[in-house]
Amino acid sequence: MSTESAIDCRHLTHRYGKFTAVEDLSLHVHTGETVGLLGPNGAGKTTVVRVLTTLTPVQHG
């Protein structure tokens, strides 16, 4: 496995108005590594992917 970072996210927080969709998420993924993002409805999975792919601007982190 490579030690090069594909994703390095630190203290990501994203809010929609007063609703906090993601709070203080830190995530490190190495190049070539496969990860899954699991959670119940409304847990912020789509928001995390949208922010990491720059479809949604970063608010904090």
N, C-alpha and C. Protein backbone atom coordinates (compact mmCIF):
# COMPACT_ATOMS: atom_id res chain seq x y z
N MET A 1 0.84 -1.18 0.00
CA MET A 1 0.00 0.00 0.00
C MET A 1 0.89 1.24 0.00
N SER A 2 0.47 2.26 -0.71
CA SER A 2 1.20 3.51 -0.81
C SER A 2 1.02 4.34 0.45
N THR A 3 2.01 5.15 0.77
CA THR A 3 1.87 6.07 1.90
C THR A 3 1.47 7.46 1.43
N GLU A 4 1.30 7.61 0.11
CA GLU A 4 0.86 8.88 -0.45
C GLU A 4 -0.63 9.08 -0.15
N SER A 5 -1.01 10.30 0.21
CA SER A 5 -2.40 10.59 0.55
C SER A 5 -3.23 10.85 -0.70
N ALA A 6 -4.37 10.18 -0.78
CA ALA A 6 -5.35 10.48 -1.82
C ALA A 6 -6.36 11.49 -1.26
N ILE A 7 -6.69 11.33 0.02
CA ILE A 7 -7.62 12.23 0.72
C ILE A 7 -7.04 12.50 2.10
N ASP A 8 -6.98 13.75 2.47
CA ASP A 8 -6.57 14.13 3.81
C ASP A 8 -7.49 15.25 4.27
N CYS A 9 -8.43 14.91 5.10
CA CYS A 9 -9.46 15.84 5.55
C CYS A 9 -9.34 15.97 7.07
N ARG A 10 -9.29 17.19 7.55
CA ARG A 10 -9.14 17.41 8.99
C ARG A 10 -10.19 18.37 9.51
N HIS A 11 -10.93 17.92 10.49
CA HIS A 11 -11.91 18.74 11.23
C HIS A 11 -12.97 19.36 10.32
N LEU A 12 -13.47 18.57 9.37
CA LEU A 12 -14.52 19.04 8.47
C LEU A 12 -15.83 19.23 9.22
N THR A 13 -16.39 20.40 9.10
CA THR A 13 -17.72 20.68 9.64
C THR A 13 -18.52 21.36 8.54
N HIS A 14 -19.76 20.91 8.35
CA HIS A 14 -20.62 21.51 7.32
C HIS A 14 -22.02 21.66 7.89
N ARG A 15 -22.58 22.86 7.73
CA ARG A 15 -23.92 23.16 8.23
C ARG A 15 -24.82 23.64 7.10
N TYR A 16 -26.08 23.32 7.24
CA TYR A 16 -27.13 23.87 6.38
C TYR A 16 -27.99 24.72 7.29
N GLY A 17 -27.75 26.01 7.30
CA GLY A 17 -28.44 26.87 8.25
C GLY A 17 -28.01 26.51 9.67
N LYS A 18 -28.98 26.21 10.53
CA LYS A 18 -28.68 25.82 11.91
C LYS A 18 -28.45 24.32 12.05
N PHE A 19 -28.71 23.54 10.98
CA PHE A 19 -28.55 22.09 11.03
C PHE A 19 -27.11 21.71 10.70
N THR A 20 -26.46 20.99 11.61
CA THR A 20 -25.10 20.52 11.39
C THR A 20 -25.16 19.15 10.74
N ALA A 21 -24.73 19.06 9.48
CA ALA A 21 -24.76 17.78 8.76
C ALA A 21 -23.54 16.94 9.07
N VAL A 22 -22.38 17.59 9.23
CA VAL A 22 -21.12 16.90 9.53
C VAL A 22 -20.38 17.76 10.55
N GLU A 23 -19.89 17.12 11.61
CA GLU A 23 -19.19 17.88 12.64
C GLU A 23 -17.84 17.23 12.98
N ASP A 24 -16.78 17.98 12.76
CA ASP A 24 -15.41 17.63 13.16
C ASP A 24 -14.96 16.27 12.61
N LEU A 25 -15.18 16.03 11.33
CA LEU A 25 -14.75 14.78 10.68
C LEU A 25 -13.30 14.90 10.23
N SER A 26 -12.49 13.92 10.61
CA SER A 26 -11.12 13.81 10.10
C SER A 26 -11.02 12.47 9.39
N LEU A 27 -10.43 12.47 8.20
CA LEU A 27 -10.36 11.27 7.38
C LEU A 27 -9.06 11.29 6.58
N HIS A 28 -8.34 10.17 6.60
CA HIS A 28 -7.10 10.05 5.83
C HIS A 28 -7.18 8.76 5.02
N VAL A 29 -7.06 8.88 3.70
CA VAL A 29 -7.11 7.72 2.81
C VAL A 29 -5.84 7.73 1.96
N HIS A 30 -5.13 6.61 1.95
CA HIS A 30 -3.91 6.48 1.15
C HIS A 30 -4.28 6.14 -0.30
N THR A 31 -3.42 6.51 -1.23
CA THR A 31 -3.58 6.16 -2.64
C THR A 31 -3.66 4.64 -2.77
N GLY A 32 -4.66 4.15 -3.50
CA GLY A 32 -4.84 2.71 -3.70
C GLY A 32 -5.69 2.05 -2.65
N GLU A 33 -6.02 2.74 -1.59
CA GLU A 33 -6.84 2.19 -0.51
C GLU A 33 -8.32 2.31 -0.88
N THR A 34 -9.11 1.32 -0.51
CA THR A 34 -10.55 1.34 -0.73
C THR A 34 -11.25 1.52 0.60
N VAL A 35 -12.19 2.45 0.65
CA VAL A 35 -12.93 2.71 1.89
C VAL A 35 -14.42 2.75 1.59
N GLY A 36 -15.22 2.58 2.62
CA GLY A 36 -16.67 2.70 2.51
C GLY A 36 -17.15 3.74 3.50
N LEU A 37 -18.23 4.40 3.16
CA LEU A 37 -18.82 5.42 4.02
C LEU A 37 -20.21 4.94 4.38
N LEU A 38 -20.40 4.51 5.62
CA LEU A 38 -21.65 3.92 6.06
C LEU A 38 -22.30 4.76 7.15
N GLY A 39 -23.62 4.73 7.19
CA GLY A 39 -24.35 5.43 8.23
C GLY A 39 -25.83 5.49 7.88
N PRO A 40 -26.65 5.83 8.87
CA PRO A 40 -28.09 5.91 8.64
C PRO A 40 -28.46 7.13 7.79
N ASN A 41 -29.70 7.18 7.35
CA ASN A 41 -30.20 8.34 6.60
C ASN A 41 -29.98 9.60 7.43
N GLY A 42 -29.51 10.64 6.78
CA GLY A 42 -29.31 11.91 7.46
C GLY A 42 -28.01 12.01 8.24
N ALA A 43 -27.12 11.04 8.09
CA ALA A 43 -25.86 11.03 8.85
C ALA A 43 -24.80 11.95 8.24
N GLY A 44 -24.99 12.40 7.01
CA GLY A 44 -24.03 13.31 6.38
C GLY A 44 -23.14 12.67 5.34
N LYS A 45 -23.45 11.44 4.93
CA LYS A 45 -22.60 10.72 3.95
C LYS A 45 -22.51 11.48 2.63
N THR A 46 -23.62 11.89 2.10
CA THR A 46 -23.64 12.60 0.82
C THR A 46 -22.94 13.95 0.95
N THR A 47 -23.15 14.63 2.06
CA THR A 47 -22.48 15.91 2.28
C THR A 47 -20.97 15.73 2.29
N VAL A 48 -20.47 14.70 2.95
CA VAL A 48 -19.03 14.44 2.98
C VAL A 48 -18.50 14.23 1.57
N VAL A 49 -19.16 13.40 0.79
CA VAL A 49 -18.72 13.12 -0.58
C VAL A 49 -18.77 14.39 -1.42
N ARG A 50 -19.82 15.18 -1.29
CA ARG A 50 -19.94 16.41 -2.07
C ARG A 50 -18.84 17.41 -1.72
N VAL A 51 -18.50 17.52 -0.44
CA VAL A 51 -17.43 18.44 -0.05
C VAL A 51 -16.07 17.93 -0.53
N LEU A 52 -15.82 16.63 -0.36
CA LEU A 52 -14.53 16.07 -0.77
C LEU A 52 -14.31 16.13 -2.28
N THR A 53 -15.40 16.10 -3.05
CA THR A 53 -15.28 16.19 -4.52
C THR A 53 -15.46 17.61 -5.03
N THR A 54 -15.52 18.57 -4.13
CA THR A 54 -15.65 20.01 -4.40
C THR A 54 -16.96 20.41 -5.08
N LEU A 55 -17.97 19.55 -5.02
CA LEU A 55 -19.29 19.94 -5.53
C LEU A 55 -19.98 20.91 -4.57
N THR A 56 -19.60 20.84 -3.31
CA THR A 56 -20.10 21.76 -2.28
C THR A 56 -18.89 22.44 -1.66
N PRO A 57 -18.91 23.77 -1.53
CA PRO A 57 -17.75 24.46 -0.96
C PRO A 57 -17.49 24.06 0.50
N VAL A 58 -16.22 24.05 0.87
CA VAL A 58 -15.83 23.77 2.26
C VAL A 58 -16.22 24.96 3.12
N GLN A 59 -16.88 24.68 4.25
CA GLN A 59 -17.21 25.75 5.19
C GLN A 59 -16.16 25.85 6.29
N HIS A 60 -15.74 24.69 6.81
CA HIS A 60 -14.73 24.67 7.87
C HIS A 60 -14.01 23.34 7.85
N GLY A 61 -12.71 23.38 7.91
CA GLY A 61 -11.93 22.15 7.97
C GLY A 61 -10.95 22.05 6.82
